[in-house]
Amino acid sequence: MAGPYQQHLIGPESLVTTHEATRAGFISIALEKNHQATPTIAEARALHAATSQAQNPADLLSVKGIEGALLTAAGISDKAASHLNAEDKVEAIQGLIADFLEPAGTAFVDELVYRFLLTRGETLGGSMRNIIGIVARRRFTRSIIAALTIVGRTYHWFHSDSKTWVTGTGSDVDIEQYVKAITWQSALGDKVIAYNLNVPLVKKNIDVCLLSSKKEDALKAAYKVPNAYVALGELKGGIDPNGADEHWKTANTALSRIRGAFTGAGCFPSTFFVGAAIVDSMSKEVWGQLETGQLVNAANLTNADQVASLCSWLVGL
């Protein structure tokens, strides 16, 4: 019997990310990074304007409303600042002034802004993994919604901030940033796709889970029931070929853990893998697992047709 992956893959070479897709992926991430940096640039300009009238670094202490920015310039992140008391914060700011701003002479305002941007840049760099995840979820979510729309299914999605189920419209703004789960009714019963779900049986967060459950129960009780799971998969959005093998190693370990845990409980949900950066050696491993049935489906995230086919399969389960 042909596997669902054979609807869009003819061999391991089908999974390999093309040079064009890699280039487009890097550009997409760069544009997203610039978009995410826009508020920081605006803050830096506001800081420059607020401090431009200061005659010397010591005057900065009397400028109202910039303590947070001074702490940032001192190398203190927002998270770290929450663990400091008032005296600690004053000490950090005084150190910034004495060690870096005063030696800068008349250019102390520029020095302040540069150091502010340095810390904010490190924070932005650390958040890029989340941004890459958002980009991957965006593509995957849109494909799930398209698959549901094609077969005429009404869907609802769970808003991670408001903690409520929202009726889907097909053009939901910013759904990718806030969606925790998507639910619909099929001929085989109610289904829910949940993202980044902590699966008790595995004791780990799994990127994508498909459950047979009513939407009211999925995130409260059903996720604790092993036989509620229909399929579980790993979604890796990193586009850098140099990190592809590491992404696959992480995903493969997670998928093996899933299969072991569920088999031990007498349950056999399907497992699948979707990745943006898939190199030749990795594609052979994925294909081998597809042929042996360890993986039931797989797709390259940069190939819209492959993702559409995989999502149609999920919606039909």
C-alpha atoms as a PDB file:
ATOM      1  CA  MET A   1       0.000   0.000   0.000  1.00  0.00           C
ATOM      2  CA  ALA A   2       1.401   3.371  -1.013  1.00  0.00           C
ATOM      3  CA  GLY A   3       2.250   5.739   1.816  1.00  0.00           C
ATOM      4  CA  PRO A   4       0.849   9.282   1.925  1.00  0.00           C
ATOM      5  CA  TYR A   5       4.341  10.664   1.340  1.00  0.00           C
ATOM      6  CA  GLN A   6       4.315   9.147  -2.139  1.00  0.00           C
ATOM      7  CA  GLN A   7       1.692  11.702  -3.145  1.00  0.00           C
ATOM      8  CA  HIS A   8       4.428  14.348  -3.250  1.00  0.00           C
ATOM      9  CA  LEU A   9       7.805  12.582  -2.990  1.00  0.00           C
ATOM     10  CA  ILE A  10       9.425  10.269  -5.519  1.00  0.00           C
ATOM     11  CA  GLY A  11      12.716   9.733  -3.709  1.00  0.00           C
ATOM     12  CA  PRO A  12      15.112  11.272  -1.193  1.00  0.00           C
ATOM     13  CA  GLU A  13      16.186  13.891  -3.736  1.00  0.00           C
ATOM     14  CA  SER A  14      12.646  15.315  -3.607  1.00  0.00           C
ATOM     15  CA  LEU A  15      13.240  16.357  -0.017  1.00  0.00           C
ATOM     16  CA  VAL A  16      16.493  18.253  -0.565  1.00  0.00           C
ATOM     17  CA  THR A  17      16.232  22.025  -0.196  1.00  0.00           C
ATOM     18  CA  THR A  18      17.170  23.781  -3.426  1.00  0.00           C
ATOM     19  CA  HIS A  19      19.719  26.586  -3.607  1.00  0.00           C
ATOM     20  CA  GLU A  20      16.948  28.971  -4.669  1.00  0.00           C
ATOM     21  CA  ALA A  21      14.829  28.021  -1.637  1.00  0.00           C
ATOM     22  CA  THR A  22      17.792  28.448   0.700  1.00  0.00           C
ATOM     23  CA  ARG A  23      18.536  31.893  -0.730  1.00  0.00           C
ATOM     24  CA  ALA A  24      14.878  32.928  -0.459  1.00  0.00           C
ATOM     25  CA  GLY A  25      14.764  31.601   3.099  1.00  0.00           C
ATOM     26  CA  PHE A  26      17.762  33.648   4.199  1.00  0.00           C
ATOM     27  CA  ILE A  27      16.213  36.770   2.656  1.00  0.00           C
ATOM     28  CA  SER A  28      12.882  36.066   4.383  1.00  0.00           C
ATOM     29  CA  ILE A  29      14.565  35.694   7.781  1.00  0.00           C
ATOM     30  CA  ALA A  30      16.628  38.857   7.186  1.00  0.00           C
ATOM     31  CA  LEU A  31      13.491  40.838   6.356  1.00  0.00           C
ATOM     32  CA  GLU A  32      11.745  39.452   9.430  1.00  0.00           C
ATOM     33  CA  LYS A  33      14.749  40.375  11.561  1.00  0.00           C
ATOM     34  CA  ASN A  34      14.650  43.925  10.228  1.00  0.00           C
ATOM     35  CA  HIS A  35      10.926  44.087  10.909  1.00  0.00           C
ATOM     36  CA  GLN A  36      11.491  42.926  14.487  1.00  0.00           C
ATOM     37  CA  ALA A  37      14.275  45.503  14.904  1.00  0.00           C
ATOM     38  CA  THR A  38      12.078  48.458  13.926  1.00  0.00           C
ATOM     39  CA  PRO A  39      10.828  49.205  17.486  1.00  0.00           C
ATOM     40  CA  THR A  40      14.399  49.088  18.814  1.00  0.00           C
ATOM     41  CA  ILE A  41      15.579  51.625  16.227  1.00  0.00           C
ATOM     42  CA  ALA A  42      12.686  53.892  17.174  1.00  0.00           C
ATOM     43  CA  GLU A  43      13.601  53.573  20.867  1.00  0.00           C
ATOM     44  CA  ALA A  44      17.227  54.445  20.103  1.00  0.00           C
ATOM     45  CA  ARG A  45      16.171  57.579  18.241  1.00  0.00           C
ATOM     46  CA  ALA A  46      13.897  58.575  21.115  1.00  0.00           C
ATOM     47  CA  LEU A  47      16.759  58.020  23.573  1.00  0.00           C
ATOM     48  CA  HIS A  48      19.066  60.219  21.502  1.00  0.00           C
ATOM     49  CA  ALA A  49      16.457  62.969  21.414  1.00  0.00           C
ATOM     50  CA  ALA A  50      15.776  62.731  25.160  1.00  0.00           C
ATOM     51  CA  THR A  51      19.449  62.997  26.108  1.00  0.00           C
ATOM     52  CA  SER A  52      20.770  65.390  23.466  1.00  0.00           C
ATOM     53  CA  GLN A  53      20.459  68.404  25.793  1.00  0.00           C
ATOM     54  CA  ALA A  54      22.584  66.844  28.548  1.00  0.00           C
ATOM     55  CA  GLN A  55      25.847  68.784  29.043  1.00  0.00           C
ATOM     56  CA  ASN A  56      27.759  65.875  30.565  1.00  0.00           C
ATOM     57  CA  PRO A  57      27.154  62.207  31.460  1.00  0.00           C
ATOM     58  CA  ALA A  58      26.191  63.033  35.043  1.00  0.00           C
ATOM     59  CA  ASP A  59      23.270  65.093  33.732  1.00  0.00           C
ATOM     60  CA  LEU A  60      21.716  61.880  32.426  1.00  0.00           C
ATOM     61  CA  LEU A  61      20.763  60.943  35.989  1.00  0.00           C
ATOM     62  CA  SER A  62      18.317  63.844  36.087  1.00  0.00           C
ATOM     63  CA  VAL A  63      16.610  63.015  32.777  1.00  0.00           C
ATOM     64  CA  LYS A  64      13.224  61.554  33.642  1.00  0.00           C
ATOM     65  CA  GLY A  65      11.960  58.322  32.110  1.00  0.00           C
ATOM     66  CA  ILE A  66      15.237  56.913  30.770  1.00  0.00           C
ATOM     67  CA  GLU A  67      16.350  54.704  33.670  1.00  0.00           C
ATOM     68  CA  GLY A  68      15.371  51.575  31.729  1.00  0.00           C
ATOM     69  CA  ALA A  69      17.343  52.720  28.691  1.00  0.00           C
ATOM     70  CA  LEU A  70      20.381  53.516  30.857  1.00  0.00           C
ATOM     71  CA  LEU A  71      20.230  50.033  32.364  1.00  0.00           C
ATOM     72  CA  THR A  72      20.007  48.551  28.878  1.00  0.00           C
ATOM     73  CA  ALA A  73      23.059  50.577  27.796  1.00  0.00           C
ATOM     74  CA  ALA A  74      24.832  49.270  30.900  1.00  0.00           C
ATOM     75  CA  GLY A  75      24.308  45.746  29.572  1.00  0.00           C
ATOM     76  CA  ILE A  76      21.374  44.864  31.821  1.00  0.00           C
ATOM     77  CA  SER A  77      18.578  43.052  29.969  1.00  0.00           C
ATOM     78  CA  ASP A  78      14.934  43.531  30.925  1.00  0.00           C
ATOM     79  CA  LYS A  79      14.927  40.035  32.418  1.00  0.00           C
ATOM     80  CA  ALA A  80      18.051  40.719  34.477  1.00  0.00           C
ATOM     81  CA  ALA A  81      16.696  44.099  35.643  1.00  0.00           C
ATOM     82  CA  SER A  82      13.709  42.360  37.227  1.00  0.00           C
ATOM     83  CA  HIS A  83      16.112  40.688  39.668  1.00  0.00           C
ATOM     84  CA  LEU A  84      17.867  43.906  40.730  1.00  0.00           C
ATOM     85  CA  ASN A  85      16.893  46.238  43.552  1.00  0.00           C
ATOM     86  CA  ALA A  86      17.070  50.038  43.340  1.00  0.00           C
ATOM     87  CA  GLU A  87      20.623  50.177  44.717  1.00  0.00           C
ATOM     88  CA  ASP A  88      21.840  47.589  42.183  1.00  0.00           C
ATOM     89  CA  LYS A  89      20.366  49.592  39.328  1.00  0.00           C
ATOM     90  CA  VAL A  90      22.004  52.831  40.493  1.00  0.00           C
ATOM     91  CA  GLU A  91      25.349  51.042  40.770  1.00  0.00           C
ATOM     92  CA  ALA A  92      25.035  49.672  37.214  1.00  0.00           C
ATOM     93  CA  ILE A  93      24.173  53.098  35.769  1.00  0.00           C
ATOM     94  CA  GLN A  94      26.990  54.816  37.655  1.00  0.00           C
ATOM     95  CA  GLY A  95      29.390  52.195  36.320  1.00  0.00           C
ATOM     96  CA  LEU A  96      28.178  52.883  32.779  1.00  0.00           C
ATOM     97  CA  ILE A  97      28.789  56.609  33.245  1.00  0.00           C
ATOM     98  CA  ALA A  98      32.209  56.286  34.860  1.00  0.00           C
ATOM     99  CA  ASP A  99      33.642  53.525  32.693  1.00  0.00           C
ATOM    100  CA  PHE A 100      32.213  54.290  29.261  1.00  0.00           C
ATOM    101  CA  LEU A 101      30.336  57.574  28.901  1.00  0.00           C
ATOM    102  CA  GLU A 102      32.796  59.932  30.598  1.00  0.00           C
ATOM    103  CA  PRO A 103      35.788  58.551  28.616  1.00  0.00           C
ATOM    104  CA  ALA A 104      33.780  59.242  25.420  1.00  0.00           C
ATOM    105  CA  GLY A 105      33.980  62.985  26.061  1.00  0.00           C
ATOM    106  CA  THR A 106      31.559  65.115  24.072  1.00  0.00           C
ATOM    107  CA  ALA A 107      30.395  62.047  22.148  1.00  0.00           C
ATOM    108  CA  PHE A 108      28.871  60.491  25.302  1.00  0.00           C
ATOM    109  CA  VAL A 109      25.301  60.625  23.925  1.00  0.00           C
ATOM    110  CA  ASP A 110      26.302  58.672  20.834  1.00  0.00           C
ATOM    111  CA  GLU A 111      28.205  56.224  23.052  1.00  0.00           C
ATOM    112  CA  LEU A 112      25.073  55.780  25.156  1.00  0.00           C
ATOM    113  CA  VAL A 113      22.927  55.034  22.106  1.00  0.00           C
ATOM    114  CA  TYR A 114      25.503  52.613  20.662  1.00  0.00           C
ATOM    115  CA  ARG A 115      25.620  50.643  23.910  1.00  0.00           C
ATOM    116  CA  PHE A 116      21.825  50.650  24.142  1.00  0.00           C
ATOM    117  CA  LEU A 117      21.643  49.157  20.651  1.00  0.00           C
ATOM    118  CA  LEU A 118      24.334  46.603  21.490  1.00  0.00           C
ATOM    119  CA  THR A 119      22.298  45.107  24.332  1.00  0.00           C
ATOM    120  CA  ARG A 120      19.028  45.300  22.411  1.00  0.00           C
ATOM    121  CA  GLY A 121      20.740  43.589  19.472  1.00  0.00           C
ATOM    122  CA  GLU A 122      21.814  40.694  21.663  1.00  0.00           C
ATOM    123  CA  THR A 123      18.244  40.344  22.887  1.00  0.00           C
ATOM    124  CA  LEU A 124      16.964  40.387  19.316  1.00  0.00           C
ATOM    125  CA  GLY A 125      19.499  37.746  18.300  1.00  0.00           C
ATOM    126  CA  GLY A 126      18.367  35.527  21.142  1.00  0.00           C
ATOM    127  CA  SER A 127      14.745  35.853  20.055  1.00  0.00           C
ATOM    128  CA  MET A 128      15.447  34.869  16.441  1.00  0.00           C
ATOM    129  CA  ARG A 129      14.790  31.204  17.213  1.00  0.00           C
ATOM    130  CA  ASN A 130      11.257  32.239  18.146  1.00  0.00           C
ATOM    131  CA  ILE A 131      10.993  34.327  14.990  1.00  0.00           C
ATOM    132  CA  ILE A 132      12.129  31.379  12.846  1.00  0.00           C
ATOM    133  CA  GLY A 133       9.523  29.260  14.609  1.00  0.00           C
ATOM    134  CA  ILE A 134       6.846  31.862  13.860  1.00  0.00           C
ATOM    135  CA  VAL A 135       7.819  31.908  10.173  1.00  0.00           C
ATOM    136  CA  ALA A 136       7.629  28.080  10.035  1.00  0.00           C
ATOM    137  CA  ARG A 137       4.296  28.004  11.865  1.00  0.00           C
ATOM    138  CA  ARG A 138       2.979  30.694   9.507  1.00  0.00           C
ATOM    139  CA  ARG A 139       3.594  28.542   6.464  1.00  0.00           C
ATOM    140  CA  PHE A 140       2.288  25.402   8.100  1.00  0.00           C
ATOM    141  CA  THR A 141      -0.809  27.081   9.555  1.00  0.00           C
ATOM    142  CA  ARG A 142      -1.739  28.686   6.264  1.00  0.00           C
ATOM    143  CA  SER A 143      -1.465  25.283   4.572  1.00  0.00           C
ATOM    144  CA  ILE A 144      -3.688  23.671   7.214  1.00  0.00           C
ATOM    145  CA  ILE A 145      -6.278  26.433   6.773  1.00  0.00           C
ATOM    146  CA  ALA A 146      -6.106  26.081   2.984  1.00  0.00           C
ATOM    147  CA  ALA A 147      -6.611  22.314   3.258  1.00  0.00           C
ATOM    148  CA  LEU A 148      -9.647  22.842   5.506  1.00  0.00           C
ATOM    149  CA  THR A 149     -11.072  25.487   3.184  1.00  0.00           C
ATOM    150  CA  ILE A 150     -10.704  23.260   0.125  1.00  0.00           C
ATOM    151  CA  VAL A 151     -12.781  20.489   1.732  1.00  0.00           C
ATOM    152  CA  GLY A 152     -15.300  22.984   3.096  1.00  0.00           C
ATOM    153  CA  ARG A 153     -14.530  22.601   6.800  1.00  0.00           C
ATOM    154  CA  THR A 154     -15.364  25.376   9.253  1.00  0.00           C
ATOM    155  CA  TYR A 155     -12.582  25.789  11.779  1.00  0.00           C
ATOM    156  CA  HIS A 156     -11.860  27.553  15.060  1.00  0.00           C
ATOM    157  CA  TRP A 157      -8.493  28.524  16.472  1.00  0.00           C
ATOM    158  CA  PHE A 158      -7.314  28.988  20.045  1.00  0.00           C
ATOM    159  CA  HIS A 159      -5.859  32.439  20.791  1.00  0.00           C
ATOM    160  CA  SER A 160      -2.829  32.034  23.068  1.00  0.00           C
ATOM    161  CA  ASP A 161      -3.280  35.458  24.715  1.00  0.00           C
ATOM    162  CA  SER A 162      -7.045  35.644  25.213  1.00  0.00           C
ATOM    163  CA  LYS A 163      -7.296  31.881  25.915  1.00  0.00           C
ATOM    164  CA  THR A 164     -10.441  31.675  23.826  1.00  0.00           C
ATOM    165  CA  TRP A 165     -11.554  29.829  20.705  1.00  0.00           C
ATOM    166  CA  VAL A 166     -12.042  32.144  17.727  1.00  0.00           C
ATOM    167  CA  THR A 167     -14.103  31.328  14.645  1.00  0.00           C
ATOM    168  CA  GLY A 168     -11.782  31.171  11.652  1.00  0.00           C
ATOM    169  CA  THR A 169     -12.390  33.379   8.646  1.00  0.00           C
ATOM    170  CA  GLY A 170      -9.609  32.278   6.310  1.00  0.00           C
ATOM    171  CA  SER A 171      -7.968  35.694   6.540  1.00  0.00           C
ATOM    172  CA  ASP A 172      -7.332  35.932  10.279  1.00  0.00           C
ATOM    173  CA  VAL A 173      -4.751  38.675  10.938  1.00  0.00           C
ATOM    174  CA  ASP A 174      -1.661  37.603  12.906  1.00  0.00           C
ATOM    175  CA  ILE A 175      -3.084  34.124  13.509  1.00  0.00           C
ATOM    176  CA  GLU A 176       0.445  32.709  13.204  1.00  0.00           C
ATOM    177  CA  GLN A 177       1.686  34.690  16.202  1.00  0.00           C
ATOM    178  CA  TYR A 178      -1.166  33.757  18.503  1.00  0.00           C
ATOM    179  CA  VAL A 179      -2.528  30.408  17.361  1.00  0.00           C
ATOM    180  CA  LYS A 180      -2.111  27.594  19.880  1.00  0.00           C
ATOM    181  CA  ALA A 181      -4.493  25.149  18.229  1.00  0.00           C
ATOM    182  CA  ILE A 182      -6.893  24.716  15.296  1.00  0.00           C
ATOM    183  CA  THR A 183     -10.033  22.579  15.462  1.00  0.00           C
ATOM    184  CA  TRP A 184     -12.636  21.314  12.997  1.00  0.00           C
ATOM    185  CA  GLN A 185     -15.290  18.622  12.581  1.00  0.00           C
ATOM    186  CA  SER A 186     -14.725  15.824  10.110  1.00  0.00           C
ATOM    187  CA  ALA A 187     -16.539  12.674   9.096  1.00  0.00           C
ATOM    188  CA  LEU A 188     -14.240  10.858  11.516  1.00  0.00           C
ATOM    189  CA  GLY A 189     -15.081  13.128  14.444  1.00  0.00           C
ATOM    190  CA  ASP A 190     -13.740  16.314  15.992  1.00  0.00           C
ATOM    191  CA  LYS A 191     -10.051  16.981  15.400  1.00  0.00           C
ATOM    192  CA  VAL A 192      -7.586  19.422  16.940  1.00  0.00           C
ATOM    193  CA  ILE A 193      -4.105  20.367  15.778  1.00  0.00           C
ATOM    194  CA  ALA A 194      -2.108  21.816  18.696  1.00  0.00           C
ATOM    195  CA  TYR A 195       1.273  23.527  18.500  1.00  0.00           C
ATOM    196  CA  ASN A 196       4.131  23.185  20.968  1.00  0.00           C
ATOM    197  CA  LEU A 197       2.073  20.900  23.193  1.00  0.00           C
ATOM    198  CA  ASN A 198       3.585  19.379  26.316  1.00  0.00           C
ATOM    199  CA  VAL A 199       2.688  15.708  25.894  1.00  0.00           C
ATOM    200  CA  PRO A 200       2.623  14.036  29.350  1.00  0.00           C
ATOM    201  CA  LEU A 201       3.420  10.590  27.983  1.00  0.00           C
ATOM    202  CA  VAL A 202       6.597  11.904  26.322  1.00  0.00           C
ATOM    203  CA  LYS A 203       7.341  14.547  28.970  1.00  0.00           C
ATOM    204  CA  LYS A 204       8.430  16.941  26.210  1.00  0.00           C
ATOM    205  CA  ASN A 205       6.948  19.707  24.087  1.00  0.00           C
ATOM    206  CA  ILE A 206       6.054  18.420  20.616  1.00  0.00           C
ATOM    207  CA  ASP A 207       5.892  20.871  17.703  1.00  0.00           C
ATOM    208  CA  VAL A 208       2.652  19.637  16.092  1.00  0.00           C
ATOM    209  CA  CYS A 209       0.059  17.239  17.523  1.00  0.00           C
ATOM    210  CA  LEU A 210      -3.202  16.024  15.942  1.00  0.00           C
ATOM    211  CA  LEU A 211      -5.781  14.778  18.437  1.00  0.00           C
ATOM    212  CA  SER A 212      -9.266  13.320  18.224  1.00  0.00           C
ATOM    213  CA  SER A 213     -11.049  15.592  20.669  1.00  0.00           C
ATOM    214  CA  LYS A 214     -13.660  18.282  21.033  1.00  0.00           C
ATOM    215  CA  LYS A 215     -12.081  21.720  21.223  1.00  0.00           C
ATOM    216  CA  GLU A 216     -13.277  22.268  24.805  1.00  0.00           C
ATOM    217  CA  ASP A 217     -11.387  19.190  26.013  1.00  0.00           C
ATOM    218  CA  ALA A 218      -8.261  19.152  23.853  1.00  0.00           C
ATOM    219  CA  LEU A 219      -6.053  21.492  25.877  1.00  0.00           C
ATOM    220  CA  LYS A 220      -7.608  20.634  29.248  1.00  0.00           C
ATOM    221  CA  ALA A 221      -7.942  16.864  29.428  1.00  0.00           C
ATOM    222  CA  ALA A 222      -7.667  15.053  26.090  1.00  0.00           C
ATOM    223  CA  TYR A 223      -3.969  15.834  25.664  1.00  0.00           C
ATOM    224  CA  LYS A 224      -3.335  13.651  28.736  1.00  0.00           C
ATOM    225  CA  VAL A 225      -4.969  10.615  27.080  1.00  0.00           C
ATOM    226  CA  PRO A 226      -2.512   8.622  24.909  1.00  0.00           C
ATOM    227  CA  ASN A 227      -5.109   7.146  22.552  1.00  0.00           C
ATOM    228  CA  ALA A 228      -6.434  10.627  21.729  1.00  0.00           C
ATOM    229  CA  TYR A 229      -3.333  11.285  19.630  1.00  0.00           C
ATOM    230  CA  VAL A 230      -3.658  10.633  15.910  1.00  0.00           C
ATOM    231  CA  ALA A 231      -0.352  12.066  14.692  1.00  0.00           C
ATOM    232  CA  LEU A 232       2.650  13.927  16.080  1.00  0.00           C
ATOM    233  CA  GLY A 233       5.337  15.750  14.139  1.00  0.00           C
ATOM    234  CA  GLU A 234       8.429  17.908  14.286  1.00  0.00           C
ATOM    235  CA  LEU A 235       8.491  21.244  12.446  1.00  0.00           C
ATOM    236  CA  LYS A 236      11.925  22.797  11.896  1.00  0.00           C
ATOM    237  CA  GLY A 237      12.083  26.212  10.220  1.00  0.00           C
ATOM    238  CA  GLY A 238      15.833  26.891  10.302  1.00  0.00           C
ATOM    239  CA  ILE A 239      17.081  27.479   6.750  1.00  0.00           C
ATOM    240  CA  ASP A 240      20.870  27.344   7.213  1.00  0.00           C
ATOM    241  CA  PRO A 241      22.219  24.159   5.532  1.00  0.00           C
ATOM    242  CA  ASN A 242      25.108  24.117   8.022  1.00  0.00           C
ATOM    243  CA  GLY A 243      22.615  23.492  10.814  1.00  0.00           C
ATOM    244  CA  ALA A 244      20.441  20.997   8.946  1.00  0.00           C
ATOM    245  CA  ASP A 245      21.980  17.835  10.375  1.00  0.00           C
ATOM    246  CA  GLU A 246      21.709  19.194  13.917  1.00  0.00           C
ATOM    247  CA  HIS A 247      18.045  20.085  13.385  1.00  0.00           C
ATOM    248  CA  TRP A 248      17.375  16.592  12.069  1.00  0.00           C
ATOM    249  CA  LYS A 249      19.268  15.010  14.959  1.00  0.00           C
ATOM    250  CA  THR A 250      17.095  16.925  17.432  1.00  0.00           C
ATOM    251  CA  ALA A 251      13.901  16.109  15.549  1.00  0.00           C
ATOM    252  CA  ASN A 252      14.797  12.450  15.052  1.00  0.00           C
ATOM    253  CA  THR A 253      15.523  12.034  18.760  1.00  0.00           C
ATOM    254  CA  ALA A 254      12.151  13.589  19.597  1.00  0.00           C
ATOM    255  CA  LEU A 255      10.326  11.397  17.078  1.00  0.00           C
ATOM    256  CA  SER A 256      12.034   8.248  18.391  1.00  0.00           C
ATOM    257  CA  ARG A 257      11.045   9.228  21.930  1.00  0.00           C
ATOM    258  CA  ILE A 258       7.451   9.728  20.778  1.00  0.00           C
ATOM    259  CA  ARG A 259       7.256   6.319  19.129  1.00  0.00           C
ATOM    260  CA  GLY A 260       8.820   4.582  22.108  1.00  0.00           C
ATOM    261  CA  ALA A 261       6.535   6.243  24.648  1.00  0.00           C
ATOM    262  CA  PHE A 262       3.310   5.619  22.717  1.00  0.00           C
ATOM    263  CA  THR A 263       4.220   2.058  21.753  1.00  0.00           C
ATOM    264  CA  GLY A 264       4.829   1.347  25.430  1.00  0.00           C
ATOM    265  CA  ALA A 265       1.298   2.579  26.122  1.00  0.00           C
ATOM    266  CA  GLY A 266      -0.157   0.384  23.371  1.00  0.00           C
ATOM    267  CA  CYS A 267      -0.863   3.326  21.043  1.00  0.00           C
ATOM    268  CA  PHE A 268       0.469   3.865  17.537  1.00  0.00           C
ATOM    269  CA  PRO A 269      -0.071   7.433  16.262  1.00  0.00           C
ATOM    270  CA  SER A 270       1.559   8.464  12.992  1.00  0.00           C
ATOM    271  CA  THR A 271       4.746  10.511  13.097  1.00  0.00           C
ATOM    272  CA  PHE A 272       5.892  13.031  10.511  1.00  0.00           C
ATOM    273  CA  PHE A 273       8.692  15.521   9.862  1.00  0.00           C
ATOM    274  CA  VAL A 274       8.662  18.914   8.117  1.00  0.00           C
ATOM    275  CA  GLY A 275      11.937  20.804   7.726  1.00  0.00           C
ATOM    276  CA  ALA A 276      13.140  23.856   5.824  1.00  0.00           C
ATOM    277  CA  ALA A 277      16.835  22.925   5.587  1.00  0.00           C
ATOM    278  CA  ILE A 278      17.205  19.372   4.289  1.00  0.00           C
ATOM    279  CA  VAL A 279      20.558  18.336   2.843  1.00  0.00           C
ATOM    280  CA  ASP A 280      21.376  15.239   0.807  1.00  0.00           C
ATOM    281  CA  SER A 281      22.615  12.949   3.611  1.00  0.00           C
ATOM    282  CA  MET A 282      19.690  13.913   5.810  1.00  0.00           C
ATOM    283  CA  SER A 283      17.151  13.329   3.033  1.00  0.00           C
ATOM    284  CA  LYS A 284      18.373   9.729   2.679  1.00  0.00           C
ATOM    285  CA  GLU A 285      17.792   9.110   6.393  1.00  0.00           C
ATOM    286  CA  VAL A 286      14.308  10.609   6.253  1.00  0.00           C
ATOM    287  CA  TRP A 287      13.450   8.630   3.127  1.00  0.00           C
ATOM    288  CA  GLY A 288      14.722   5.434   4.733  1.00  0.00           C
ATOM    289  CA  GLN A 289      12.396   5.964   7.699  1.00  0.00           C
ATOM    290  CA  LEU A 290       9.489   6.632   5.354  1.00  0.00           C
ATOM    291  CA  GLU A 291      10.102   3.381   3.506  1.00  0.00           C
ATOM    292  CA  THR A 292      10.286   1.361   6.733  1.00  0.00           C
ATOM    293  CA  GLY A 293       7.212   3.040   8.199  1.00  0.00           C
ATOM    294  CA  GLN A 294       8.977   4.706  11.106  1.00  0.00           C
ATOM    295  CA  LEU A 295       7.869   8.008   9.613  1.00  0.00           C
ATOM    296  CA  VAL A 296       4.474   8.065   7.947  1.00  0.00           C
ATOM    297  CA  ASN A 297       4.949  11.374   6.137  1.00  0.00           C
ATOM    298  CA  ALA A 298       7.505  14.128   5.516  1.00  0.00           C
ATOM    299  CA  ALA A 299       7.831  17.336   3.540  1.00  0.00           C
ATOM    300  CA  ASN A 300      10.233  20.153   2.797  1.00  0.00           C
ATOM    301  CA  LEU A 301       8.819  23.346   4.320  1.00  0.00           C
ATOM    302  CA  THR A 302      10.152  25.429   1.415  1.00  0.00           C
ATOM    303  CA  ASN A 303       8.138  23.392  -1.095  1.00  0.00           C
ATOM    304  CA  ALA A 304       4.542  24.643  -1.007  1.00  0.00           C
ATOM    305  CA  ASP A 305       3.177  21.627  -2.892  1.00  0.00           C
ATOM    306  CA  GLN A 306       4.765  19.175  -0.470  1.00  0.00           C
ATOM    307  CA  VAL A 307       3.463  21.039   2.582  1.00  0.00           C
ATOM    308  CA  ALA A 308      -0.009  21.293   1.033  1.00  0.00           C
ATOM    309  CA  SER A 309      -0.040  17.545   0.392  1.00  0.00           C
ATOM    310  CA  LEU A 310       1.082  16.721   3.932  1.00  0.00           C
ATOM    311  CA  CYS A 311      -1.497  19.101   5.445  1.00  0.00           C
ATOM    312  CA  SER A 312      -4.266  17.584   3.309  1.00  0.00           C
ATOM    313  CA  TRP A 313      -3.246  14.188   4.682  1.00  0.00           C
ATOM    314  CA  LEU A 314      -3.418  15.484   8.259  1.00  0.00           C
ATOM    315  CA  VAL A 315      -6.827  17.078   7.727  1.00  0.00           C
ATOM    316  CA  GLY A 316      -8.107  13.788   6.289  1.00  0.00           C
ATOM    317  CA  LEU A 317      -7.016  11.634   9.232  1.00  0.00           C
END
